[in-house]
């Protein structure tokens, strides 16, 4: 006899999704979470004790969470659409301006492209490119919650050979350079291939990152979670416990053993749990160590996360309303050439003087994460990602490297502001990849746990759900699975389906 049908290592959002599916199917399930609260990288925290503001410290936007999972689990959770997709300031010929892109194409977006390129070529190329991506996303998204198709099967099913070629077969950098001429426009497109990935535009890992950033839920739209990421975790805990899932916090697993009948998990306090199956919401590297095996090799994390509480939004030299500029994704120092140059500098062990950054203001879409007093006083939040800041840059002296990277990030922003951003900062925290690993256990700060994989199996592979390990009783339900990565719940769903099939 075992204690449970399924034991899940880690209470991140994917573990909670898997647990709920399994419990609703009649399985007894326990979640073993090492920390004092569940949620992992999807929590909201009061980052600055003196201010009543609940920030999404790590994960902060939602694109990949399928509507099907929300419906299946009965989640009462709202995501807010943003009117603005992105804003990218620039200065040319002594004039400060910016490329404004609305989520739904409008006159302001058209005029912004024409200001940048009066020939209209970039505007036309942008529309053609993203129309193709939108059609491709609609076709590939449903496959994410089904058994893996082979490369050939999925290619034939989607039946868009031209798009398949430039997304799956050729480096995305080559495609961007061929279809767009303006370095700024190229960079705006490229950033979706770089967030979370330490890669050149001409490496295929960038293609996979690009794909995942643009296919979410069939639309690729990135939405703001009302109430912050913590609201999603709270709702996942509600449905999990209602379904009968047992959640144990402060329960760190120190080793995992299995045989043909069951698995045994030894906890740090010396106690043990037995189960018929084990799901790991931890990274594959962590699972390997728990099993006494050699961890797989993967790229290290490369994103620095900066959370800022502002007394007010800063004014921009371009004159655009900052409530528009910061409502979507704000890009700075992210032209194609700048991203490639920074990658090479970072690969050589150097933090550049100006860092490619992107950010957005959660409170412009959802002020509920601030107290009424802070709202009335005009406070706002700013979430900033610094690209190409690999963990290796922080190994020698984490605090000194963070200070240098912060200086470089703020320098990138300040060149487009009327006054330095420091003038309106009420509080700020900086998290390096090493901090992220220490706080939520992501190896080397890799927000995807390991290198992302294309969402199919190769023609010669025999794998069904993309969550399997070499042990038929152990599955991966976290971001390290095939089709993992991002706030999606997809690997949680797929791991649950794999267990239900195995135990049928």
Protein backbone atom coordinates (compact mmCIF):
# COMPACT_ATOMS: atom_id res chain seq x y z
CA UNK A 1 0.00 0.00 0.00
CA UNK A 2 1.15 3.55 -0.70
CA UNK A 3 0.33 6.76 1.13
CA UNK A 4 -0.94 8.44 -2.04
CA UNK A 5 -1.63 7.72 -5.67
CA UNK A 6 0.50 10.70 -6.69
CA UNK A 7 3.08 12.82 -4.88
CA UNK A 8 4.08 16.12 -6.48
CA UNK A 9 7.42 17.76 -5.77
CA UNK A 10 6.90 21.52 -5.70
CA UNK A 11 3.83 23.70 -5.45
CA UNK A 12 4.32 25.99 -8.41
CA UNK A 13 1.38 26.74 -10.67
CA UNK A 14 2.01 23.68 -12.85
CA UNK A 15 2.08 21.39 -9.83
CA UNK A 16 -1.23 22.83 -8.65
CA UNK A 17 -2.76 22.35 -12.11
CA UNK A 18 -1.59 18.72 -12.29
CA UNK A 19 -2.78 18.00 -8.76
CA UNK A 20 -6.26 19.35 -9.44
CA UNK A 21 -6.75 17.37 -12.63
CA UNK A 22 -5.65 14.20 -10.86
CA UNK A 23 -7.77 14.79 -7.77
CA UNK A 24 -10.83 15.52 -9.88
CA UNK A 25 -10.19 12.16 -11.58
CA UNK A 26 -10.34 10.43 -8.19
CA UNK A 27 -6.65 10.17 -7.34
CA UNK A 28 -5.25 10.87 -3.89
CA UNK A 29 -2.65 13.60 -4.28
CA UNK A 30 -0.15 15.36 -2.03
CA UNK A 31 1.95 18.39 -2.95
CA UNK A 32 5.29 18.68 -1.14
CA UNK A 33 6.46 22.30 -1.21
CA UNK A 34 9.88 23.18 0.19
CA UNK A 35 9.05 26.80 0.98
CA UNK A 36 6.57 28.26 3.46
CA UNK A 37 4.07 29.07 0.72
CA UNK A 38 3.12 27.63 -2.66
CA UNK A 39 3.32 29.40 -5.99
CA UNK A 40 7.03 29.36 -6.77
CA UNK A 41 7.78 32.07 -9.32
CA UNK A 42 4.09 32.99 -9.68
CA UNK A 43 3.60 34.57 -6.27
CA UNK A 44 2.77 38.16 -5.38
CA UNK A 45 4.72 39.72 -2.53
CA UNK A 46 4.85 42.90 -0.51
CA UNK A 47 8.35 43.58 -1.81
CA UNK A 48 8.70 46.85 0.09
CA UNK A 49 7.40 46.46 3.68
CA UNK A 50 6.82 50.19 4.13
CA UNK A 51 4.45 50.31 1.13
CA UNK A 52 1.13 48.50 0.70
CA UNK A 53 1.87 47.20 -2.79
CA UNK A 54 1.66 43.54 -3.84
CA UNK A 55 4.06 43.02 -6.73
CA UNK A 56 4.36 40.01 -9.02
CA UNK A 57 8.02 39.55 -8.13
CA UNK A 58 9.06 37.11 -10.86
CA UNK A 59 6.43 35.96 -13.38
CA UNK A 60 4.24 38.91 -14.24
CA UNK A 61 2.18 38.45 -17.44
CA UNK A 62 0.07 35.62 -18.82
CA UNK A 63 -0.08 34.44 -22.42
CA UNK A 64 0.29 30.68 -22.54
CA UNK A 65 -2.42 29.64 -20.04
CA UNK A 66 -5.06 27.94 -22.24
CA UNK A 67 -8.71 28.81 -21.77
CA UNK A 68 -9.37 25.06 -21.65
CA UNK A 69 -7.45 24.71 -18.38
CA UNK A 70 -9.29 27.66 -16.86
CA UNK A 71 -12.60 26.04 -17.83
CA UNK A 72 -11.65 22.47 -16.88
CA UNK A 73 -10.56 23.48 -13.39
CA UNK A 74 -13.28 26.05 -12.83
CA UNK A 75 -10.88 28.90 -12.19
CA UNK A 76 -12.47 32.23 -11.28
CA UNK A 77 -9.60 34.30 -12.56
CA UNK A 78 -9.43 37.32 -14.85
CA UNK A 79 -6.76 38.53 -17.22
CA UNK A 80 -6.90 42.07 -18.58
CA UNK A 81 -6.18 42.91 -22.20
CA UNK A 82 -3.80 45.77 -22.80
CA UNK A 83 -4.62 48.36 -25.45
CA UNK A 84 -0.94 48.99 -26.08
CA UNK A 85 1.30 46.22 -27.33
CA UNK A 86 4.59 48.10 -27.19
CA UNK A 87 6.33 51.44 -27.31
CA UNK A 88 9.95 51.88 -28.36
CA UNK A 89 11.48 55.36 -28.06
CA UNK A 90 14.24 56.48 -30.40
CA UNK A 91 16.16 59.59 -31.39
CA UNK A 92 17.04 60.31 -35.02
CA UNK A 93 18.25 63.42 -36.77
CA UNK A 94 18.00 65.37 -33.53
CA UNK A 95 14.35 64.45 -33.01
CA UNK A 96 12.94 62.34 -30.19
CA UNK A 97 10.14 60.03 -31.22
CA UNK A 98 8.91 56.48 -30.67
CA UNK A 99 7.40 53.47 -32.38
CA UNK A 100 3.91 52.93 -30.94
CA UNK A 101 2.16 49.60 -31.59
CA UNK A 102 -1.41 49.04 -30.42
CA UNK A 103 -2.71 45.52 -29.77
CA UNK A 104 -5.40 46.12 -32.38
CA UNK A 105 -3.95 47.90 -35.41
CA UNK A 106 -5.09 51.55 -35.44
CA UNK A 107 -4.32 54.92 -37.01
CA UNK A 108 -1.85 55.87 -34.29
CA UNK A 109 0.12 52.70 -34.98
CA UNK A 110 0.03 53.34 -38.74
CA UNK A 111 1.17 56.93 -38.31
CA UNK A 112 3.94 55.85 -35.95
CA UNK A 113 5.32 53.40 -38.52
CA UNK A 114 5.09 56.01 -41.28
CA UNK A 115 7.03 58.50 -39.14
CA UNK A 116 9.76 55.91 -38.75
CA UNK A 117 9.71 54.80 -42.39
CA UNK A 118 7.79 57.10 -44.77
CA UNK A 119 8.11 54.54 -47.58
CA UNK A 120 5.59 52.31 -45.79
CA UNK A 121 7.75 49.24 -46.36
CA UNK A 122 8.26 48.42 -42.66
CA UNK A 123 4.56 48.92 -41.93
CA UNK A 124 3.60 46.50 -44.72
CA UNK A 125 6.27 43.97 -43.74
CA UNK A 126 5.14 44.08 -40.10
CA UNK A 127 1.52 43.39 -41.01
CA UNK A 128 2.41 40.54 -43.38
CA UNK A 129 4.73 38.92 -40.85
CA UNK A 130 2.39 39.05 -37.88
CA UNK A 131 -0.65 38.02 -39.90
CA UNK A 132 1.26 34.86 -40.81
CA UNK A 133 2.25 34.30 -37.18
CA UNK A 134 -1.36 34.80 -36.04
CA UNK A 135 -2.65 32.15 -38.46
CA UNK A 136 0.12 29.77 -37.41
CA UNK A 137 -0.65 30.33 -33.71
CA UNK A 138 -4.31 29.46 -34.19
CA UNK A 139 -3.33 26.18 -35.81
CA UNK A 140 -0.61 25.07 -33.39
CA UNK A 141 -2.12 26.14 -30.05
CA UNK A 142 -4.68 23.30 -29.78
CA UNK A 143 -1.90 20.72 -30.08
CA UNK A 144 -0.33 21.83 -26.81
CA UNK A 145 -2.86 19.88 -24.71
CA UNK A 146 -2.77 16.68 -26.77
CA UNK A 147 -0.18 13.91 -27.10
CA UNK A 148 2.90 15.08 -28.95
CA UNK A 149 2.78 14.91 -32.69
CA UNK A 150 5.93 14.18 -34.64
CA UNK A 151 7.68 16.96 -36.52
CA UNK A 152 6.32 15.63 -39.83
CA UNK A 153 2.78 15.17 -38.51
CA UNK A 154 2.56 18.66 -37.04
CA UNK A 155 4.09 20.26 -40.12
CA UNK A 156 1.55 18.54 -42.36
CA UNK A 157 -1.36 19.38 -40.05
CA UNK A 158 -0.52 23.08 -39.88
CA UNK A 159 0.17 23.16 -43.62
CA UNK A 160 1.99 26.49 -43.69
CA UNK A 161 5.38 25.41 -45.10
CA UNK A 162 6.78 28.93 -45.51
CA UNK A 163 6.08 29.91 -41.91
CA UNK A 164 7.18 26.50 -40.64
CA UNK A 165 10.49 26.99 -42.42
CA UNK A 166 11.33 30.33 -40.84
CA UNK A 167 10.09 29.37 -37.38
CA UNK A 168 11.34 25.80 -37.12
CA UNK A 169 14.17 25.36 -39.61
CA UNK A 170 16.10 28.64 -40.05
CA UNK A 171 17.56 30.99 -37.42
CA UNK A 172 15.01 33.68 -36.63
CA UNK A 173 17.71 36.35 -36.95
CA UNK A 174 18.12 35.56 -40.63
CA UNK A 175 14.39 35.85 -41.21
CA UNK A 176 14.10 39.16 -39.37
CA UNK A 177 17.01 40.64 -41.30
CA UNK A 178 15.58 39.46 -44.61
CA UNK A 179 12.07 40.81 -44.06
CA UNK A 180 12.77 44.08 -42.22
CA UNK A 181 15.25 46.84 -42.97
CA UNK A 182 15.01 49.14 -39.95
CA UNK A 183 17.26 48.12 -37.07
CA UNK A 184 14.78 49.38 -34.46
CA UNK A 185 11.88 47.40 -35.94
CA UNK A 186 14.08 44.34 -36.20
CA UNK A 187 14.94 44.68 -32.52
CA UNK A 188 11.34 44.98 -31.36
CA UNK A 189 10.59 41.69 -33.11
CA UNK A 190 13.76 40.00 -31.88
CA UNK A 191 13.10 40.65 -28.20
CA UNK A 192 10.40 37.98 -28.13
CA UNK A 193 13.13 35.52 -29.05
CA UNK A 194 15.41 36.60 -26.20
CA UNK A 195 13.40 36.96 -23.01
CA UNK A 196 14.63 34.23 -20.68
CA UNK A 197 17.13 32.88 -23.22
CA UNK A 198 20.85 33.64 -23.45
CA UNK A 199 21.15 33.30 -27.18
CA UNK A 200 22.22 35.04 -30.34
CA UNK A 201 19.52 35.87 -32.86
CA UNK A 202 21.21 33.32 -35.11
CA UNK A 203 20.87 30.32 -32.79
CA UNK A 204 17.83 28.03 -32.92
CA UNK A 205 17.15 28.42 -29.20
CA UNK A 206 16.00 31.95 -30.06
CA UNK A 207 13.45 30.47 -32.52
CA UNK A 208 11.91 28.31 -29.81
CA UNK A 209 11.67 31.23 -27.40
CA UNK A 210 10.08 33.35 -30.14
CA UNK A 211 7.53 30.64 -30.89
CA UNK A 212 6.43 30.31 -27.26
CA UNK A 213 6.06 34.05 -26.88
CA UNK A 214 3.71 34.31 -29.85
CA UNK A 215 1.44 31.24 -29.84
CA UNK A 216 -0.17 31.50 -26.41
CA UNK A 217 -3.83 30.47 -26.37
CA UNK A 218 -3.93 30.80 -30.15
CA UNK A 219 -3.60 34.58 -30.02
CA UNK A 220 -0.19 35.26 -28.51
CA UNK A 221 -1.71 38.09 -26.49
CA UNK A 222 0.07 38.87 -23.21
CA UNK A 223 -2.44 39.82 -20.53
CA UNK A 224 -2.24 41.37 -17.08
CA UNK A 225 -3.48 39.11 -14.24
CA UNK A 226 -6.00 41.09 -12.20
CA UNK A 227 -4.71 41.21 -8.65
CA UNK A 228 -1.24 40.10 -9.75
CA UNK A 229 0.18 36.61 -10.14
CA UNK A 230 -0.73 35.83 -6.56
CA UNK A 231 -4.40 35.93 -7.55
CA UNK A 232 -3.83 33.01 -9.91
CA UNK A 233 -2.02 31.03 -7.22
CA UNK A 234 -4.79 31.71 -4.71
CA UNK A 235 -7.39 30.45 -7.16
CA UNK A 236 -5.36 27.37 -8.04
CA UNK A 237 -5.03 26.55 -4.33
CA UNK A 238 -8.78 26.97 -3.92
CA UNK A 239 -9.70 24.51 -6.66
CA UNK A 240 -6.96 22.07 -5.65
CA UNK A 241 -8.02 21.86 -2.03
CA UNK A 242 -11.69 21.71 -3.02
CA UNK A 243 -10.84 18.68 -5.15
CA UNK A 244 -9.15 17.01 -2.18
CA UNK A 245 -5.48 17.77 -2.80
CA UNK A 246 -3.32 17.79 0.32
CA UNK A 247 -0.75 20.60 0.32
CA UNK A 248 2.22 20.41 2.66
CA UNK A 249 4.50 23.44 2.91
CA UNK A 250 7.95 23.44 4.55
CA UNK A 251 8.30 19.92 3.14
CA UNK A 252 11.54 19.79 1.22
CA UNK A 253 12.18 16.53 -0.64
CA UNK A 254 15.79 15.39 -0.29
CA UNK A 255 15.73 12.18 -2.35
CA UNK A 256 13.50 10.03 -4.55
CA UNK A 257 13.69 6.27 -5.01
CA UNK A 258 11.41 3.99 -6.99
CA UNK A 259 10.77 0.37 -7.89
CA UNK A 260 8.33 -1.44 -10.13
CA UNK A 261 5.48 -0.92 -7.66
CA UNK A 262 5.89 2.53 -6.11
CA UNK A 263 8.14 5.46 -5.30
CA UNK A 264 9.45 6.75 -1.99
CA UNK A 265 10.24 10.37 -1.29
CA UNK A 266 12.51 11.13 1.66
CA UNK A 267 11.98 14.58 3.19
CA UNK A 268 14.61 16.80 4.76
CA UNK A 269 13.18 16.14 8.22
CA UNK A 270 13.75 12.42 7.77
CA UNK A 271 10.12 11.47 7.18
CA UNK A 272 9.00 9.71 4.01
CA UNK A 273 6.05 9.58 1.62
CA UNK A 274 5.23 6.69 -0.70
CA UNK A 275 3.17 7.00 -3.83
CA UNK A 276 2.34 5.10 -6.96
CA UNK A 277 3.59 7.96 -9.13
CA UNK A 278 5.75 11.05 -8.68
CA UNK A 279 5.42 14.32 -10.56
CA UNK A 280 8.24 16.82 -10.38
CA UNK A 281 7.39 20.50 -10.59
CA UNK A 282 11.08 21.15 -9.91
CA UNK A 283 13.57 21.62 -12.72
CA UNK A 284 14.94 18.46 -14.40
CA UNK A 285 18.35 19.28 -12.94
CA UNK A 286 16.89 19.26 -9.43
CA UNK A 287 14.99 16.03 -10.07
CA UNK A 288 18.18 14.37 -11.33
CA UNK A 289 20.02 15.28 -8.12
CA UNK A 290 17.14 13.95 -6.00
CA UNK A 291 17.42 10.66 -7.89
CA UNK A 292 21.22 10.51 -7.63
CA UNK A 293 21.68 10.98 -11.36
CA UNK A 294 23.81 13.37 -13.43
CA UNK A 295 21.85 16.61 -14.06
CA UNK A 296 21.26 17.49 -17.72
CA UNK A 297 23.28 20.36 -19.14
CA UNK A 298 21.34 23.52 -19.98
CA UNK A 299 21.82 27.20 -20.69
CA UNK A 300 21.98 29.31 -17.57
CA UNK A 301 19.45 31.99 -16.77
CA UNK A 302 20.11 35.37 -18.32
CA UNK A 303 17.43 37.76 -17.09
CA UNK A 304 17.76 40.34 -14.36
CA UNK A 305 14.41 41.33 -12.85
CA UNK A 306 13.94 44.78 -11.35
CA UNK A 307 10.76 45.71 -9.49
CA UNK A 308 10.14 49.41 -8.94
CA UNK A 309 7.54 51.44 -7.07
CA UNK A 310 7.20 54.90 -8.58
CA UNK A 311 5.83 58.07 -7.01
CA UNK A 312 4.62 59.00 -10.50
CA UNK A 313 5.29 58.04 -14.11
CA UNK A 314 8.26 59.79 -15.73
CA UNK A 315 7.87 62.12 -18.69
CA UNK A 316 9.39 61.14 -22.03
CA UNK A 317 11.38 63.36 -24.39
CA UNK A 318 9.17 62.20 -27.27
CA UNK A 319 6.18 63.86 -25.62
CA UNK A 320 3.97 60.75 -25.65
CA UNK A 321 1.63 60.33 -22.70
CA UNK A 322 3.54 58.04 -20.30
CA UNK A 323 0.26 56.28 -19.56
CA UNK A 324 0.45 55.01 -23.13
CA UNK A 325 4.20 54.49 -23.30
CA UNK A 326 4.35 52.25 -20.23
CA UNK A 327 0.98 50.49 -20.56
CA UNK A 328 2.37 47.90 -22.94
CA UNK A 329 5.93 46.63 -23.26
CA UNK A 330 8.40 49.51 -23.22
CA UNK A 331 11.63 48.76 -25.09
CA UNK A 332 14.91 50.61 -24.59
CA UNK A 333 18.32 49.95 -26.14
CA UNK A 334 16.83 46.92 -27.91
CA UNK A 335 17.57 47.44 -31.56
CA UNK A 336 18.69 44.30 -33.36
CA UNK A 337 22.32 45.42 -33.46
CA UNK A 338 22.29 46.45 -29.80
CA UNK A 339 20.87 43.09 -28.70
CA UNK A 340 23.52 41.18 -30.66
CA UNK A 341 26.31 43.43 -29.42
CA UNK A 342 25.20 43.04 -25.80
CA UNK A 343 24.99 39.27 -26.19
CA UNK A 344 28.61 39.16 -27.36
CA UNK A 345 29.73 41.46 -24.52
CA UNK A 346 27.94 39.32 -21.93
CA UNK A 347 29.33 36.14 -23.45
CA UNK A 348 32.74 37.70 -22.97
CA UNK A 349 32.01 38.32 -19.29
CA UNK A 350 31.16 42.02 -19.40
CA UNK A 351 28.15 44.09 -18.34
CA UNK A 352 27.57 46.78 -20.99
CA UNK A 353 27.24 50.48 -20.17
CA UNK A 354 23.68 50.39 -21.45
CA UNK A 355 21.58 47.27 -21.09
CA UNK A 356 18.76 46.14 -23.40
CA UNK A 357 15.66 46.41 -21.23
CA UNK A 358 11.92 46.06 -21.45
CA UNK A 359 9.31 46.94 -18.89
CA UNK A 360 5.67 47.60 -18.29
CA UNK A 361 3.45 49.22 -15.70
CA UNK A 362 1.01 46.72 -14.13
CA UNK A 363 -0.94 49.40 -12.31
CA UNK A 364 -1.98 51.19 -15.50
CA UNK A 365 -4.09 48.12 -16.32
CA UNK A 366 -4.80 46.94 -12.79
CA UNK A 367 -4.34 49.40 -9.90
CA UNK A 368 -5.79 46.87 -7.43
CA UNK A 369 -2.31 45.71 -6.38
CA UNK A 370 -1.84 49.10 -4.68
CA UNK A 371 -3.64 50.33 -1.58
CA UNK A 372 -6.23 53.08 -2.03
CA UNK A 373 -3.81 55.53 -0.39
CA UNK A 374 -1.04 54.77 -2.87
CA UNK A 375 -3.47 54.94 -5.78
CA UNK A 376 -4.75 58.34 -4.64
CA UNK A 377 -1.17 59.60 -4.30
CA UNK A 378 -0.44 58.64 -7.93
CA UNK A 379 1.96 55.76 -7.29
CA UNK A 380 2.65 53.23 -10.05
CA UNK A 381 4.68 50.05 -10.42
CA UNK A 382 7.31 49.37 -13.05
CA UNK A 383 8.48 45.85 -13.88
CA UNK A 384 11.78 45.71 -15.73
CA UNK A 385 13.60 42.85 -17.42
CA UNK A 386 17.27 43.21 -18.31
CA UNK A 387 18.32 41.05 -21.26
CA UNK A 388 21.63 39.22 -21.65
CA UNK A 389 22.56 39.20 -17.99
CA UNK A 390 23.68 35.56 -17.60
CA UNK A 391 24.31 34.07 -14.18
CA UNK A 392 28.05 33.89 -14.83
CA UNK A 393 28.28 37.69 -14.70
CA UNK A 394 27.20 37.57 -11.06
CA UNK A 395 29.27 34.66 -9.77
CA UNK A 396 32.32 36.59 -8.60
CA UNK A 397 30.41 39.31 -6.72
CA UNK A 398 26.63 39.19 -6.98
CA UNK A 399 25.98 42.54 -5.29
CA UNK A 400 28.60 44.45 -7.25
CA UNK A 401 27.42 42.97 -10.54
CA UNK A 402 23.80 43.80 -9.69
CA UNK A 403 24.78 47.39 -9.00
CA UNK A 404 26.58 47.63 -12.34
CA UNK A 405 23.69 46.01 -14.21
CA UNK A 406 21.16 48.28 -12.50
CA UNK A 407 23.20 51.33 -13.48
CA UNK A 408 23.31 50.08 -17.09
CA UNK A 409 19.57 49.38 -17.12
CA UNK A 410 18.61 52.79 -15.77
CA UNK A 411 21.03 54.47 -18.18
CA UNK A 412 19.18 52.80 -21.07
CA UNK A 413 15.89 54.20 -19.81
CA UNK A 414 17.10 57.65 -18.79
CA UNK A 415 18.33 58.56 -22.27
CA UNK A 416 14.68 58.81 -23.31
CA UNK A 417 13.31 60.59 -20.22
CA UNK A 418 13.01 64.30 -19.48
CA UNK A 419 14.39 63.72 -15.98
CA UNK A 420 16.21 60.70 -14.54
CA UNK A 421 13.95 57.88 -13.38
CA UNK A 422 15.69 58.05 -10.00
CA UNK A 423 13.76 61.26 -9.30
CA UNK A 424 10.46 59.36 -9.05
CA UNK A 425 11.57 56.02 -7.58
CA UNK A 426 10.05 55.34 -4.17
CA UNK A 427 11.51 51.83 -3.78
CA UNK A 428 13.42 49.35 -5.90
CA UNK A 429 14.63 45.76 -5.74
CA UNK A 430 17.01 43.96 -8.09
CA UNK A 431 17.03 40.20 -8.60
CA UNK A 432 19.90 38.56 -10.45
CA UNK A 433 19.75 35.00 -11.83
CA UNK A 434 21.58 33.90 -8.67
CA UNK A 435 18.91 35.53 -6.49
CA UNK A 436 16.18 33.84 -8.52
CA UNK A 437 17.83 30.47 -7.97
CA UNK A 438 18.15 31.13 -4.26
CA UNK A 439 14.56 32.30 -3.86
CA UNK A 440 12.61 29.83 -6.01
CA UNK A 441 15.09 27.11 -6.96
CA UNK A 442 15.41 27.79 -10.70
CA UNK A 443 18.85 26.41 -11.68
CA UNK A 444 21.18 29.29 -12.47
CA UNK A 445 18.11 31.50 -12.58
CA UNK A 446 16.76 29.89 -15.77
CA UNK A 447 13.10 30.93 -15.88
CA UNK A 448 12.37 28.03 -18.25
CA UNK A 449 14.14 25.51 -15.95
CA UNK A 450 16.15 24.26 -18.94
CA UNK A 451 16.51 24.93 -22.67
CA UNK A 452 13.10 25.25 -24.29
CA UNK A 453 12.07 22.51 -26.71
CA UNK A 454 10.03 22.72 -29.89
CA UNK A 455 6.44 21.56 -29.20
CA UNK A 456 6.73 18.29 -31.10
CA UNK A 457 8.76 15.10 -31.03
CA UNK A 458 11.28 14.26 -33.67
CA UNK A 459 10.17 11.61 -36.15
CA UNK A 460 12.46 8.99 -34.61
CA UNK A 461 11.46 9.71 -31.01
CA UNK A 462 9.07 7.57 -29.00
CA UNK A 463 7.54 9.89 -26.41
CA UNK A 464 3.85 10.51 -25.86
CA UNK A 465 3.23 13.58 -23.70
CA UNK A 466 6.70 15.11 -23.39
CA UNK A 467 6.66 14.72 -19.60
CA UNK A 468 8.21 11.26 -19.35
CA UNK A 469 11.51 10.36 -17.67
CA UNK A 470 13.52 7.14 -17.83
CA UNK A 471 11.40 5.87 -14.92
CA UNK A 472 7.78 4.90 -15.72
CA UNK A 473 6.69 6.09 -12.26
CA UNK A 474 8.25 9.55 -12.46
CA UNK A 475 7.04 12.39 -14.67
CA UNK A 476 7.92 16.07 -15.11
CA UNK A 477 5.02 18.47 -14.60
CA UNK A 478 6.98 21.73 -14.63
CA UNK A 479 8.54 24.07 -17.16
CA UNK A 480 11.28 21.54 -17.95
CA UNK A 481 8.85 19.34 -19.85
CA UNK A 482 8.47 19.51 -23.62
CA UNK A 483 5.91 22.32 -24.11
CA UNK A 484 6.86 23.73 -20.72
CA UNK A 485 8.01 27.26 -20.01
CA UNK A 486 6.06 30.38 -19.13
CA UNK A 487 2.96 30.58 -16.98
CA UNK A 488 0.88 28.04 -18.83
CA UNK A 489 -0.27 25.06 -16.79
CA UNK A 490 0.34 23.04 -19.97
CA UNK A 491 2.97 20.65 -18.55
CA UNK A 492 0.82 20.25 -15.44
CA UNK A 493 -2.14 19.20 -17.57
CA UNK A 494 -0.02 16.91 -19.73
CA UNK A 495 1.66 15.20 -16.78
CA UNK A 496 -1.74 14.54 -15.24
CA UNK A 497 -2.95 13.00 -18.50
CA UNK A 498 0.17 10.82 -18.66
CA UNK A 499 -0.44 9.49 -15.13
CA UNK A 500 -4.10 8.83 -15.81
CA UNK A 501 -3.14 6.83 -18.90
CA UNK A 502 -0.41 4.93 -17.06
CA UNK A 503 -2.70 4.02 -14.17
CA UNK A 504 -5.73 3.11 -16.26
